[in-house]
Amino acid sequence: MPFLNFKETVNKVIFAKRESVEQVEEGKILAPKFDSDGIIPAVVTETSSGEVLMLGYMNEESLTKTIETKEAHYWSRSREVLWKKGDSSGMIHEVDEILIDDDQDSLLLKVSIKGLGASCHVGYKSCFYRSLQNVTKDGVKLEFTEDEKVFDPEVVYPGAENPTKL
């Protein structure tokens, strides 16, 4: 199914007011529930493979921009800024489809990755590149699920601050 075929440019997406459980669960108009911080989680998968690429967050502005442009925009909780995926790396998330869950408080974006074909700022295709293994006296061990990085972050993001915060 093609993603949101607009005949004219949308200048501003207005989300419906949440008025009833029936409207939210069975209605045909988008009425997302943003949390107390004004954000909604978005699971992002690659359309062609179904692979989970990342978990992002959107606020009203980033969801609106995503719908308008068909390119994913997210809200960075650590940096507290709106960002378009791929602005600095070229690895744009071209949105093929957006789904919303039953109570409209989480999203699933199906995307095609442009550029290097990766999504993770660490250099791997997916942000989920490690799996939990066995428990030892030192803690839960992780095993890498991707053999190598798709790109070198130092080359793609020269001089940029790492978005991971401790």
N, C-alpha and C. Protein backbone atom coordinates (compact mmCIF):
# COMPACT_ATOMS: atom_id res chain seq x y z
N MET A 1 0.84 -1.18 0.00
CA MET A 1 0.00 0.00 0.00
C MET A 1 0.89 1.24 0.00
N PRO A 2 0.67 2.16 -0.94
CA PRO A 2 1.50 3.37 -0.98
C PRO A 2 1.24 4.26 0.23
N PHE A 3 2.24 5.00 0.59
CA PHE A 3 2.18 5.85 1.77
C PHE A 3 1.55 7.19 1.44
N LEU A 4 0.45 7.49 2.05
CA LEU A 4 -0.21 8.79 2.03
C LEU A 4 -0.09 9.54 0.70
N ASN A 5 -0.91 9.20 -0.24
CA ASN A 5 -0.89 9.88 -1.53
C ASN A 5 -1.61 11.21 -1.45
N PHE A 6 -0.85 12.28 -1.29
CA PHE A 6 -1.43 13.61 -1.24
C PHE A 6 -1.53 14.15 -2.66
N LYS A 7 -2.67 14.73 -2.99
CA LYS A 7 -2.83 15.36 -4.30
C LYS A 7 -2.31 16.78 -4.26
N GLU A 8 -2.33 17.38 -3.09
CA GLU A 8 -1.82 18.73 -2.91
C GLU A 8 -0.87 18.73 -1.72
N THR A 9 -0.01 19.70 -1.66
CA THR A 9 0.92 19.82 -0.54
C THR A 9 0.15 20.11 0.74
N VAL A 10 0.52 19.41 1.79
CA VAL A 10 -0.09 19.63 3.10
C VAL A 10 0.74 20.67 3.82
N ASN A 11 0.13 21.76 4.24
CA ASN A 11 0.88 22.80 4.93
C ASN A 11 0.98 22.54 6.42
N LYS A 12 -0.05 21.96 7.01
CA LYS A 12 -0.03 21.68 8.43
C LYS A 12 -0.95 20.50 8.70
N VAL A 13 -0.41 19.48 9.31
CA VAL A 13 -1.23 18.34 9.69
C VAL A 13 -1.81 18.63 11.07
N ILE A 14 -3.10 18.53 11.20
CA ILE A 14 -3.76 18.72 12.48
C ILE A 14 -4.26 17.35 12.92
N PHE A 15 -3.90 16.94 14.13
CA PHE A 15 -4.32 15.65 14.64
C PHE A 15 -5.67 15.80 15.34
N ALA A 16 -6.49 14.78 15.20
CA ALA A 16 -7.81 14.82 15.81
C ALA A 16 -7.72 14.77 17.33
N LYS A 17 -8.68 15.39 17.98
CA LYS A 17 -8.79 15.33 19.44
C LYS A 17 -9.29 13.93 19.80
N ARG A 18 -8.73 13.36 20.84
CA ARG A 18 -9.13 12.04 21.32
C ARG A 18 -10.41 12.20 22.14
N GLU A 19 -11.53 11.66 21.62
CA GLU A 19 -12.82 11.88 22.26
C GLU A 19 -13.46 10.63 22.84
N SER A 20 -13.16 9.46 22.28
CA SER A 20 -13.76 8.23 22.80
C SER A 20 -12.84 7.05 22.49
N VAL A 21 -13.02 5.99 23.26
CA VAL A 21 -12.24 4.77 23.02
C VAL A 21 -12.57 4.22 21.63
N GLU A 22 -13.84 4.24 21.27
CA GLU A 22 -14.25 3.75 19.96
C GLU A 22 -13.57 4.54 18.83
N GLN A 23 -13.54 5.87 18.98
CA GLN A 23 -12.91 6.71 17.96
C GLN A 23 -11.42 6.38 17.85
N VAL A 24 -10.75 6.21 18.99
CA VAL A 24 -9.31 5.93 18.99
C VAL A 24 -9.01 4.54 18.42
N GLU A 25 -9.77 3.54 18.86
CA GLU A 25 -9.48 2.16 18.46
C GLU A 25 -10.05 1.76 17.10
N GLU A 26 -11.19 2.33 16.72
CA GLU A 26 -11.85 1.89 15.49
C GLU A 26 -12.05 3.01 14.47
N GLY A 27 -11.67 4.22 14.86
CA GLY A 27 -11.89 5.37 13.98
C GLY A 27 -10.93 5.40 12.80
N LYS A 28 -11.22 6.27 11.86
CA LYS A 28 -10.42 6.38 10.64
C LYS A 28 -9.68 7.70 10.54
N ILE A 29 -9.57 8.42 11.68
CA ILE A 29 -8.84 9.68 11.71
C ILE A 29 -7.74 9.57 12.77
N LEU A 30 -6.55 10.03 12.42
CA LEU A 30 -5.40 9.96 13.31
C LEU A 30 -5.58 10.86 14.53
N ALA A 31 -5.47 10.24 15.71
CA ALA A 31 -5.57 10.97 16.98
C ALA A 31 -4.49 10.44 17.93
N PRO A 32 -3.22 10.73 17.64
CA PRO A 32 -2.14 10.13 18.43
C PRO A 32 -2.13 10.61 19.87
N LYS A 33 -1.65 9.71 20.74
CA LYS A 33 -1.51 10.06 22.16
C LYS A 33 -0.03 10.26 22.45
N PHE A 34 0.37 11.51 22.58
CA PHE A 34 1.73 11.85 22.95
C PHE A 34 1.82 11.75 24.47
N ASP A 35 2.97 11.33 25.00
CA ASP A 35 3.10 11.17 26.45
C ASP A 35 3.23 12.53 27.14
N SER A 36 3.50 12.51 28.44
CA SER A 36 3.57 13.75 29.21
C SER A 36 4.70 14.66 28.77
N ASP A 37 5.70 14.11 28.06
CA ASP A 37 6.79 14.91 27.50
C ASP A 37 6.50 15.34 26.07
N GLY A 38 5.31 14.98 25.57
CA GLY A 38 4.91 15.39 24.22
C GLY A 38 5.51 14.52 23.12
N ILE A 39 5.90 13.27 23.45
CA ILE A 39 6.50 12.40 22.44
C ILE A 39 5.76 11.07 22.35
N ILE A 40 5.99 10.40 21.23
CA ILE A 40 5.40 9.09 20.95
C ILE A 40 6.52 8.22 20.39
N PRO A 41 6.65 6.96 20.85
CA PRO A 41 7.71 6.10 20.33
C PRO A 41 7.40 5.62 18.91
N ALA A 42 8.47 5.45 18.12
CA ALA A 42 8.33 4.98 16.74
C ALA A 42 9.35 3.89 16.47
N VAL A 43 8.85 2.67 16.28
CA VAL A 43 9.71 1.56 15.86
C VAL A 43 9.94 1.73 14.37
N VAL A 44 11.19 1.58 13.94
CA VAL A 44 11.52 1.80 12.53
C VAL A 44 12.07 0.51 11.95
N THR A 45 11.44 0.03 10.87
CA THR A 45 11.90 -1.19 10.20
C THR A 45 12.22 -0.88 8.74
N GLU A 46 13.08 -1.70 8.16
CA GLU A 46 13.38 -1.58 6.74
C GLU A 46 12.27 -2.28 5.96
N THR A 47 11.69 -1.59 5.00
CA THR A 47 10.58 -2.13 4.23
C THR A 47 10.94 -3.43 3.53
N SER A 48 12.08 -3.46 2.87
CA SER A 48 12.44 -4.62 2.05
C SER A 48 12.75 -5.87 2.85
N SER A 49 13.38 -5.73 4.01
CA SER A 49 13.80 -6.91 4.78
C SER A 49 12.95 -7.16 6.02
N GLY A 50 12.27 -6.14 6.52
CA GLY A 50 11.53 -6.25 7.76
C GLY A 50 12.42 -6.10 9.00
N GLU A 51 13.72 -5.89 8.79
CA GLU A 51 14.67 -5.76 9.90
C GLU A 51 14.36 -4.52 10.73
N VAL A 52 14.39 -4.67 12.06
CA VAL A 52 14.21 -3.53 12.94
C VAL A 52 15.49 -2.71 12.90
N LEU A 53 15.37 -1.42 12.59
CA LEU A 53 16.53 -0.55 12.47
C LEU A 53 16.77 0.28 13.73
N MET A 54 15.71 0.80 14.32
CA MET A 54 15.88 1.66 15.48
C MET A 54 14.55 1.89 16.17
N LEU A 55 14.63 2.44 17.36
CA LEU A 55 13.48 2.96 18.07
C LEU A 55 13.73 4.46 18.20
N GLY A 56 12.84 5.23 17.63
CA GLY A 56 12.97 6.67 17.71
C GLY A 56 11.77 7.25 18.43
N TYR A 57 11.79 8.55 18.58
CA TYR A 57 10.68 9.25 19.22
C TYR A 57 10.28 10.41 18.34
N MET A 58 8.99 10.72 18.36
CA MET A 58 8.48 11.84 17.58
C MET A 58 7.63 12.72 18.48
N ASN A 59 7.70 14.00 18.22
CA ASN A 59 6.74 14.92 18.83
C ASN A 59 5.78 15.33 17.72
N GLU A 60 4.86 16.23 18.02
CA GLU A 60 3.87 16.61 17.02
C GLU A 60 4.53 17.19 15.77
N GLU A 61 5.56 18.02 15.96
CA GLU A 61 6.23 18.65 14.82
C GLU A 61 6.95 17.62 13.95
N SER A 62 7.67 16.68 14.57
CA SER A 62 8.41 15.70 13.76
C SER A 62 7.47 14.74 13.04
N LEU A 63 6.37 14.37 13.68
CA LEU A 63 5.39 13.50 13.00
C LEU A 63 4.75 14.25 11.83
N THR A 64 4.43 15.51 12.04
CA THR A 64 3.86 16.32 10.97
C THR A 64 4.83 16.43 9.80
N LYS A 65 6.10 16.74 10.08
CA LYS A 65 7.10 16.87 9.01
C LYS A 65 7.30 15.54 8.29
N THR A 66 7.25 14.44 9.02
CA THR A 66 7.40 13.12 8.41
C THR A 66 6.25 12.85 7.44
N ILE A 67 5.03 13.15 7.87
CA ILE A 67 3.86 12.96 7.00
C ILE A 67 3.95 13.87 5.77
N GLU A 68 4.33 15.11 5.97
CA GLU A 68 4.40 16.07 4.86
C GLU A 68 5.49 15.74 3.85
N THR A 69 6.66 15.32 4.33
CA THR A 69 7.82 15.16 3.43
C THR A 69 8.08 13.73 2.99
N LYS A 70 7.48 12.76 3.68
CA LYS A 70 7.75 11.34 3.44
C LYS A 70 9.19 10.97 3.74
N GLU A 71 9.87 11.79 4.55
CA GLU A 71 11.20 11.51 5.07
C GLU A 71 11.13 11.63 6.59
N ALA A 72 11.71 10.66 7.28
CA ALA A 72 11.55 10.58 8.73
C ALA A 72 12.26 11.70 9.46
N HIS A 73 11.53 12.31 10.35
CA HIS A 73 12.03 13.32 11.28
C HIS A 73 11.75 12.79 12.68
N TYR A 74 12.67 13.01 13.59
CA TYR A 74 12.54 12.49 14.95
C TYR A 74 12.80 13.59 15.96
N TRP A 75 12.43 13.30 17.22
CA TRP A 75 12.75 14.18 18.33
C TRP A 75 13.84 13.50 19.13
N SER A 76 14.97 14.17 19.30
CA SER A 76 16.07 13.63 20.10
C SER A 76 15.83 13.98 21.55
N ARG A 77 15.62 12.96 22.38
CA ARG A 77 15.42 13.19 23.81
C ARG A 77 16.71 13.63 24.48
N SER A 78 17.86 13.12 24.02
CA SER A 78 19.13 13.49 24.67
C SER A 78 19.57 14.90 24.30
N ARG A 79 19.37 15.29 23.04
CA ARG A 79 19.80 16.62 22.60
C ARG A 79 18.67 17.64 22.64
N GLU A 80 17.43 17.15 22.81
CA GLU A 80 16.24 17.98 22.82
C GLU A 80 16.13 18.86 21.58
N VAL A 81 16.26 18.20 20.42
CA VAL A 81 16.13 18.89 19.13
C VAL A 81 15.38 18.01 18.14
N LEU A 82 14.73 18.67 17.19
CA LEU A 82 14.13 17.99 16.06
C LEU A 82 15.25 17.66 15.08
N TRP A 83 15.26 16.45 14.52
CA TRP A 83 16.29 16.12 13.53
C TRP A 83 15.71 15.26 12.42
N LYS A 84 16.17 15.54 11.23
CA LYS A 84 15.79 14.74 10.07
C LYS A 84 16.86 13.67 9.89
N LYS A 85 16.44 12.41 9.88
CA LYS A 85 17.38 11.31 9.71
C LYS A 85 18.07 11.48 8.36
N GLY A 86 19.40 11.52 8.40
CA GLY A 86 20.18 11.61 7.18
C GLY A 86 20.68 13.00 6.85
N ASP A 87 20.28 14.02 7.61
CA ASP A 87 20.74 15.38 7.32
C ASP A 87 22.26 15.48 7.31
N SER A 88 22.92 14.86 8.27
CA SER A 88 24.38 14.94 8.31
C SER A 88 25.05 13.72 7.68
N SER A 89 24.39 12.57 7.67
CA SER A 89 25.01 11.33 7.19
C SER A 89 24.64 10.98 5.76
N GLY A 90 23.52 11.50 5.28
CA GLY A 90 23.02 11.10 3.97
C GLY A 90 22.19 9.83 4.00
N MET A 91 22.07 9.21 5.18
CA MET A 91 21.31 7.96 5.32
C MET A 91 19.86 8.27 5.67
N ILE A 92 19.15 8.79 4.71
CA ILE A 92 17.78 9.26 4.89
C ILE A 92 16.83 8.07 5.02
N HIS A 93 15.87 8.20 5.93
CA HIS A 93 14.79 7.23 6.04
C HIS A 93 13.64 7.72 5.16
N GLU A 94 13.52 7.14 3.97
CA GLU A 94 12.40 7.47 3.09
C GLU A 94 11.22 6.62 3.55
N VAL A 95 10.15 7.26 3.98
CA VAL A 95 9.03 6.56 4.60
C VAL A 95 8.12 5.96 3.53
N ASP A 96 7.94 4.64 3.64
CA ASP A 96 7.05 3.93 2.73
C ASP A 96 5.66 3.74 3.33
N GLU A 97 5.61 3.61 4.65
CA GLU A 97 4.33 3.40 5.31
C GLU A 97 4.47 3.74 6.79
N ILE A 98 3.40 4.31 7.35
CA ILE A 98 3.33 4.55 8.79
C ILE A 98 2.11 3.81 9.31
N LEU A 99 2.32 3.03 10.36
CA LEU A 99 1.21 2.36 11.03
C LEU A 99 1.15 2.88 12.46
N ILE A 100 -0.05 2.88 13.01
CA ILE A 100 -0.22 3.30 14.41
C ILE A 100 -0.91 2.16 15.15
N ASP A 101 -0.55 1.96 16.40
CA ASP A 101 -1.10 0.83 17.15
C ASP A 101 -2.54 1.10 17.58
N ASP A 102 -3.13 0.09 18.25
CA ASP A 102 -4.55 0.11 18.58
C ASP A 102 -5.00 1.30 19.40
N ASP A 103 -4.22 1.72 20.38
CA ASP A 103 -4.64 2.88 21.18
C ASP A 103 -3.92 4.17 20.76
N GLN A 104 -3.27 4.12 19.63
CA GLN A 104 -2.64 5.27 18.99
C GLN A 104 -1.59 5.95 19.87
N ASP A 105 -0.78 5.11 20.59
CA ASP A 105 0.29 5.71 21.40
C ASP A 105 1.67 5.21 21.00
N SER A 106 1.76 4.53 19.87
CA SER A 106 3.07 4.17 19.31
C SER A 106 2.93 3.97 17.81
N LEU A 107 4.05 4.21 17.12
CA LEU A 107 4.08 4.16 15.66
C LEU A 107 5.02 3.07 15.17
N LEU A 108 4.77 2.61 13.96
CA LEU A 108 5.70 1.74 13.24
C LEU A 108 5.94 2.40 11.89
N LEU A 109 7.20 2.75 11.62
CA LEU A 109 7.57 3.32 10.32
C LEU A 109 8.27 2.25 9.51
N LYS A 110 7.82 2.05 8.29
CA LYS A 110 8.52 1.17 7.34
C LYS A 110 9.24 2.10 6.38
N VAL A 111 10.57 1.93 6.32
CA VAL A 111 11.38 2.88 5.55
C VAL A 111 12.33 2.17 4.59
N SER A 112 12.74 2.93 3.59
CA SER A 112 13.84 2.54 2.72
C SER A 112 15.00 3.45 3.08
N ILE A 113 16.17 2.86 3.30
CA ILE A 113 17.34 3.64 3.72
C ILE A 113 18.08 4.12 2.48
N LYS A 114 18.28 5.41 2.39
CA LYS A 114 19.05 5.99 1.28
C LYS A 114 20.50 6.16 1.73
N GLY A 115 21.38 6.38 0.81
CA GLY A 115 22.79 6.61 1.16
C GLY A 115 23.53 5.30 1.33
N LEU A 116 24.22 5.14 2.45
CA LEU A 116 25.08 3.99 2.69
C LEU A 116 24.33 2.71 3.05
N GLY A 117 23.03 2.79 3.24
CA GLY A 117 22.26 1.60 3.57
C GLY A 117 22.36 1.19 5.02
N ALA A 118 22.70 2.14 5.88
CA ALA A 118 22.79 1.88 7.31
C ALA A 118 21.91 2.88 8.04
N SER A 119 21.65 2.58 9.31
CA SER A 119 20.77 3.46 10.07
C SER A 119 21.36 3.90 11.40
N CYS A 120 22.36 3.18 11.89
CA CYS A 120 22.88 3.43 13.24
C CYS A 120 24.07 4.38 13.21
N HIS A 121 24.09 5.36 14.13
CA HIS A 121 25.20 6.32 14.16
C HIS A 121 26.52 5.68 14.56
N VAL A 122 26.47 4.46 15.12
CA VAL A 122 27.70 3.75 15.52
C VAL A 122 28.38 3.11 14.31
N GLY A 123 27.63 2.97 13.20
CA GLY A 123 28.19 2.44 11.97
C GLY A 123 27.57 1.15 11.48
N TYR A 124 26.72 0.55 12.29
CA TYR A 124 26.05 -0.69 11.90
C TYR A 124 24.77 -0.39 11.13
N LYS A 125 24.24 -1.40 10.42
CA LYS A 125 23.01 -1.20 9.68
C LYS A 125 21.86 -0.89 10.64
N SER A 126 21.72 -1.70 11.68
CA SER A 126 20.65 -1.55 12.67
C SER A 126 21.23 -1.07 13.99
N CYS A 127 20.44 -0.32 14.73
CA CYS A 127 20.86 0.07 16.08
C CYS A 127 20.82 -1.13 17.03
N PHE A 128 20.15 -2.20 16.64
CA PHE A 128 20.05 -3.42 17.45
C PHE A 128 21.07 -4.43 16.93
N TYR A 129 22.35 -4.18 17.19
CA TYR A 129 23.43 -5.01 16.67
C TYR A 129 24.07 -5.94 17.70
N ARG A 130 23.45 -6.04 18.87
CA ARG A 130 23.93 -6.96 19.91
C ARG A 130 22.75 -7.69 20.54
N SER A 131 22.98 -8.96 20.91
CA SER A 131 21.93 -9.71 21.60
C SER A 131 22.42 -10.09 22.99
N LEU A 132 21.48 -10.19 23.91
CA LEU A 132 21.80 -10.59 25.27
C LEU A 132 22.05 -12.09 25.30
N GLN A 133 23.12 -12.47 25.98
CA GLN A 133 23.51 -13.88 26.04
C GLN A 133 23.39 -14.40 27.46
N ASN A 134 24.44 -14.95 27.98
CA ASN A 134 24.39 -15.57 29.30
C ASN A 134 24.76 -14.59 30.42
N VAL A 135 24.33 -14.94 31.62
CA VAL A 135 24.63 -14.14 32.80
C VAL A 135 25.89 -14.70 33.45
N THR A 136 26.83 -13.81 33.75
CA THR A 136 28.05 -14.21 34.46
C THR A 136 28.16 -13.38 35.72
N LYS A 137 29.21 -13.61 36.49
CA LYS A 137 29.40 -12.82 37.71
C LYS A 137 29.64 -11.34 37.39
N ASP A 138 30.05 -11.03 36.15
CA ASP A 138 30.30 -9.66 35.74
C ASP A 138 29.06 -8.97 35.17
N GLY A 139 28.00 -9.73 34.91
CA GLY A 139 26.79 -9.16 34.33
C GLY A 139 26.32 -9.96 33.13
N VAL A 140 25.34 -9.43 32.43
CA VAL A 140 24.80 -10.10 31.24
C VAL A 140 25.72 -9.81 30.07
N LYS A 141 26.19 -10.86 29.42
CA LYS A 141 27.10 -10.73 28.28
C LYS A 141 26.33 -10.43 27.01
N LEU A 142 26.92 -9.61 26.16
CA LEU A 142 26.34 -9.26 24.87
C LEU A 142 27.15 -9.90 23.75
N GLU A 143 26.45 -10.30 22.68
CA GLU A 143 27.12 -10.85 21.50
C GLU A 143 26.71 -10.02 20.29
N PHE A 144 27.68 -9.67 19.46
CA PHE A 144 27.39 -8.88 18.26
C PHE A 144 26.65 -9.74 17.25
N THR A 145 25.59 -9.18 16.68
CA THR A 145 24.80 -9.87 15.67
C THR A 145 25.15 -9.40 14.25
N GLU A 146 25.88 -8.30 14.16
CA GLU A 146 26.36 -7.82 12.86
C GLU A 146 27.88 -7.97 12.88
N ASP A 147 28.42 -8.56 11.82
CA ASP A 147 29.84 -8.87 11.76
C ASP A 147 30.74 -7.66 11.60
N GLU A 148 30.26 -6.67 10.88
CA GLU A 148 31.10 -5.49 10.65
C GLU A 148 30.23 -4.26 10.45
N LYS A 149 30.86 -3.12 10.64
CA LYS A 149 30.18 -1.85 10.45
C LYS A 149 30.03 -1.57 8.95
N VAL A 150 28.97 -0.87 8.62
CA VAL A 150 28.72 -0.47 7.24
C VAL A 150 29.56 0.75 6.89
N PHE A 151 29.82 1.60 7.89
CA PHE A 151 30.60 2.82 7.66
C PHE A 151 31.37 3.18 8.92
N ASP A 152 32.34 4.06 8.75
CA ASP A 152 33.15 4.56 9.86
C ASP A 152 32.52 5.88 10.34
N PRO A 153 32.01 5.92 11.58
CA PRO A 153 31.39 7.14 12.07
C PRO A 153 32.31 8.36 12.06
N GLU A 154 33.61 8.17 12.24
CA GLU A 154 34.55 9.30 12.22
C GLU A 154 34.60 9.97 10.85
N VAL A 155 34.37 9.17 9.79
CA VAL A 155 34.38 9.70 8.42
C VAL A 155 33.03 10.37 8.10
N VAL A 156 31.95 9.71 8.49
CA VAL A 156 30.61 10.22 8.17
C VAL A 156 30.23 11.43 9.02
N TYR A 157 30.65 11.45 10.28
CA TYR A 157 30.31 12.55 11.20
C TYR A 157 31.59 13.22 11.71
N PRO A 158 32.42 13.78 10.85
CA PRO A 158 33.68 14.35 11.33
C PRO A 158 33.46 15.50 12.31
N GLY A 159 34.05 15.38 13.47
CA GLY A 159 33.97 16.44 14.48
C GLY A 159 32.64 16.54 15.20
N ALA A 160 31.68 15.68 14.89
CA ALA A 160 30.37 15.77 15.53
C ALA A 160 30.41 15.13 16.92
N GLU A 161 29.64 15.71 17.82
CA GLU A 161 29.52 15.15 19.17
C GLU A 161 28.69 13.86 19.10
N ASN A 162 29.11 12.85 19.82
CA ASN A 162 28.38 11.60 19.87
C ASN A 162 27.05 11.85 20.57
N PRO A 163 25.92 11.40 19.98
CA PRO A 163 24.62 11.64 20.60
C PRO A 163 24.33 10.75 21.81
N THR A 164 25.12 9.70 22.02
CA THR A 164 24.92 8.84 23.18
C THR A 164 25.36 9.56 24.44
N LYS A 165 24.46 9.62 25.41
CA LYS A 165 24.77 10.29 26.68
C LYS A 165 24.79 9.25 27.79
N LEU A 166 25.74 9.41 28.72
CA LEU A 166 25.84 8.51 29.87
C LEU A 166 24.89 8.93 30.97
